[in-house]
Amino acid sequence: MDDTIKLDQFLKLQGMTQTGGQAKLLIQSGEVRVNGQVEMRRGRKLVKGDRVTTLGETFVV
């Protein structure tokens, strides 16, 4: 079993975006940080414990 989730899927799951397209635009605009670092890859694999910050909110995977 794969215990990872792609960044764009995680943003949708958390309700930060409605569609994959919106997630892509948000990521490409430099508005998303993973563990404090700007992440530009929507396919970035997240693992349990990663912290995703965008639009003033932080979510823990």
N, C-alpha and C. Protein backbone atom coordinates (compact mmCIF):
# COMPACT_ATOMS: atom_id res chain seq x y z
N MET A 1 0.84 -1.20 0.00
CA MET A 1 0.00 0.00 0.00
C MET A 1 0.88 1.25 0.00
N ASP A 2 0.50 2.22 -0.81
CA ASP A 2 1.27 3.45 -0.94
C ASP A 2 0.74 4.48 0.07
N ASP A 3 1.58 4.88 0.99
CA ASP A 3 1.16 5.84 2.03
C ASP A 3 1.48 7.27 1.65
N THR A 4 1.41 7.59 0.35
CA THR A 4 1.65 8.96 -0.09
C THR A 4 0.41 9.49 -0.79
N ILE A 5 0.34 10.82 -0.90
CA ILE A 5 -0.72 11.47 -1.67
C ILE A 5 -0.07 12.62 -2.42
N LYS A 6 -0.52 12.84 -3.64
CA LYS A 6 0.06 13.93 -4.42
C LYS A 6 -0.47 15.27 -3.88
N LEU A 7 0.37 16.28 -3.99
CA LEU A 7 0.05 17.60 -3.46
C LEU A 7 -1.27 18.13 -3.99
N ASP A 8 -1.50 18.04 -5.31
CA ASP A 8 -2.75 18.57 -5.85
C ASP A 8 -3.97 17.82 -5.31
N GLN A 9 -3.84 16.52 -5.12
CA GLN A 9 -4.95 15.73 -4.57
C GLN A 9 -5.21 16.12 -3.12
N PHE A 10 -4.13 16.37 -2.37
CA PHE A 10 -4.27 16.76 -0.97
C PHE A 10 -5.00 18.10 -0.84
N LEU A 11 -4.67 19.05 -1.70
CA LEU A 11 -5.34 20.36 -1.65
C LEU A 11 -6.83 20.21 -1.93
N LYS A 12 -7.19 19.34 -2.87
CA LYS A 12 -8.60 19.10 -3.15
C LYS A 12 -9.28 18.41 -1.96
N LEU A 13 -8.61 17.43 -1.39
CA LEU A 13 -9.16 16.68 -0.27
C LEU A 13 -9.44 17.61 0.92
N GLN A 14 -8.57 18.59 1.14
CA GLN A 14 -8.73 19.52 2.25
C GLN A 14 -9.74 20.63 1.94
N GLY A 15 -10.24 20.66 0.71
CA GLY A 15 -11.22 21.69 0.34
C GLY A 15 -10.60 23.03 0.00
N MET A 16 -9.28 23.06 -0.17
CA MET A 16 -8.62 24.33 -0.51
C MET A 16 -8.90 24.71 -1.97
N THR A 17 -9.12 23.70 -2.81
CA THR A 17 -9.48 23.94 -4.20
C THR A 17 -10.61 22.98 -4.56
N GLN A 18 -11.39 23.36 -5.56
CA GLN A 18 -12.50 22.52 -6.00
C GLN A 18 -12.07 21.53 -7.07
N THR A 19 -11.08 21.90 -7.87
CA THR A 19 -10.67 21.07 -9.00
C THR A 19 -9.16 20.91 -9.04
N GLY A 20 -8.72 19.93 -9.81
CA GLY A 20 -7.29 19.75 -10.01
C GLY A 20 -6.68 20.94 -10.72
N GLY A 21 -7.45 21.56 -11.61
CA GLY A 21 -6.96 22.74 -12.32
C GLY A 21 -6.69 23.90 -11.38
N GLN A 22 -7.60 24.10 -10.42
CA GLN A 22 -7.39 25.16 -9.43
C GLN A 22 -6.17 24.86 -8.57
N ALA A 23 -6.00 23.60 -8.21
CA ALA A 23 -4.84 23.20 -7.41
C ALA A 23 -3.56 23.48 -8.18
N LYS A 24 -3.56 23.15 -9.46
CA LYS A 24 -2.40 23.37 -10.31
C LYS A 24 -2.03 24.85 -10.35
N LEU A 25 -3.03 25.71 -10.54
CA LEU A 25 -2.77 27.15 -10.60
C LEU A 25 -2.24 27.68 -9.27
N LEU A 26 -2.82 27.21 -8.18
CA LEU A 26 -2.38 27.64 -6.85
C LEU A 26 -0.92 27.25 -6.61
N ILE A 27 -0.58 26.03 -6.99
CA ILE A 27 0.79 25.54 -6.81
C ILE A 27 1.75 26.32 -7.70
N GLN A 28 1.38 26.50 -8.97
CA GLN A 28 2.26 27.19 -9.91
C GLN A 28 2.44 28.67 -9.57
N SER A 29 1.51 29.24 -8.81
CA SER A 29 1.63 30.65 -8.43
C SER A 29 2.60 30.84 -7.26
N GLY A 30 3.11 29.74 -6.72
CA GLY A 30 4.07 29.84 -5.61
C GLY A 30 3.40 30.06 -4.27
N GLU A 31 2.10 29.78 -4.19
CA GLU A 31 1.34 30.02 -2.96
C GLU A 31 1.33 28.84 -2.00
N VAL A 32 1.98 27.74 -2.38
CA VAL A 32 1.93 26.53 -1.56
C VAL A 32 3.32 26.21 -1.04
N ARG A 33 3.37 25.97 0.27
CA ARG A 33 4.63 25.56 0.90
C ARG A 33 4.45 24.18 1.50
N VAL A 34 5.49 23.36 1.36
CA VAL A 34 5.52 22.04 1.99
C VAL A 34 6.70 22.05 2.95
N ASN A 35 6.40 21.86 4.23
CA ASN A 35 7.43 21.89 5.27
C ASN A 35 8.26 23.18 5.21
N GLY A 36 7.58 24.30 4.92
CA GLY A 36 8.22 25.60 4.94
C GLY A 36 8.88 26.01 3.64
N GLN A 37 8.93 25.13 2.65
CA GLN A 37 9.58 25.43 1.37
C GLN A 37 8.53 25.56 0.27
N VAL A 38 8.67 26.59 -0.56
CA VAL A 38 7.75 26.75 -1.69
C VAL A 38 7.87 25.52 -2.58
N GLU A 39 6.73 24.94 -2.93
CA GLU A 39 6.70 23.73 -3.76
C GLU A 39 5.96 24.03 -5.05
N MET A 40 6.63 23.84 -6.17
CA MET A 40 6.04 24.15 -7.48
C MET A 40 5.59 22.90 -8.23
N ARG A 41 5.81 21.73 -7.67
CA ARG A 41 5.45 20.47 -8.35
C ARG A 41 4.13 19.96 -7.80
N ARG A 42 3.12 19.91 -8.64
CA ARG A 42 1.82 19.45 -8.15
C ARG A 42 1.82 17.95 -7.86
N GLY A 43 2.76 17.22 -8.46
CA GLY A 43 2.86 15.80 -8.24
C GLY A 43 3.74 15.43 -7.06
N ARG A 44 4.18 16.42 -6.32
CA ARG A 44 5.02 16.17 -5.13
C ARG A 44 4.32 15.18 -4.23
N LYS A 45 5.02 14.11 -3.88
CA LYS A 45 4.42 13.08 -3.02
C LYS A 45 4.55 13.51 -1.57
N LEU A 46 3.43 13.58 -0.89
CA LEU A 46 3.41 13.94 0.52
C LEU A 46 3.34 12.67 1.35
N VAL A 47 3.96 12.70 2.50
CA VAL A 47 3.91 11.57 3.43
C VAL A 47 3.36 12.06 4.77
N LYS A 48 2.94 11.13 5.59
CA LYS A 48 2.37 11.47 6.89
C LYS A 48 3.33 12.36 7.67
N GLY A 49 2.80 13.45 8.20
CA GLY A 49 3.63 14.37 8.97
C GLY A 49 4.06 15.60 8.20
N ASP A 50 3.98 15.55 6.87
CA ASP A 50 4.31 16.74 6.07
C ASP A 50 3.31 17.86 6.40
N ARG A 51 3.80 19.09 6.38
CA ARG A 51 2.96 20.27 6.65
C ARG A 51 2.80 21.07 5.37
N VAL A 52 1.55 21.27 4.97
CA VAL A 52 1.24 22.01 3.75
C VAL A 52 0.58 23.32 4.16
N THR A 53 1.17 24.44 3.72
CA THR A 53 0.64 25.75 4.06
C THR A 53 0.27 26.48 2.78
N THR A 54 -0.96 27.03 2.76
CA THR A 54 -1.40 27.86 1.64
C THR A 54 -2.55 28.74 2.10
N LEU A 55 -2.63 29.91 1.53
CA LEU A 55 -3.72 30.85 1.82
C LEU A 55 -3.90 31.07 3.32
N GLY A 56 -2.79 31.11 4.05
CA GLY A 56 -2.84 31.39 5.48
C GLY A 56 -3.25 30.23 6.35
N GLU A 57 -3.41 29.04 5.78
CA GLU A 57 -3.78 27.87 6.57
C GLU A 57 -2.74 26.79 6.44
N THR A 58 -2.54 26.01 7.50
CA THR A 58 -1.60 24.91 7.48
C THR A 58 -2.34 23.61 7.76
N PHE A 59 -2.04 22.61 6.98
CA PHE A 59 -2.63 21.28 7.16
C PHE A 59 -1.51 20.27 7.31
N VAL A 60 -1.71 19.30 8.20
CA VAL A 60 -0.74 18.23 8.39
C VAL A 60 -1.27 16.99 7.71
N VAL A 61 -0.43 16.38 6.90
CA VAL A 61 -0.83 15.18 6.17
C VAL A 61 -1.03 14.04 7.14
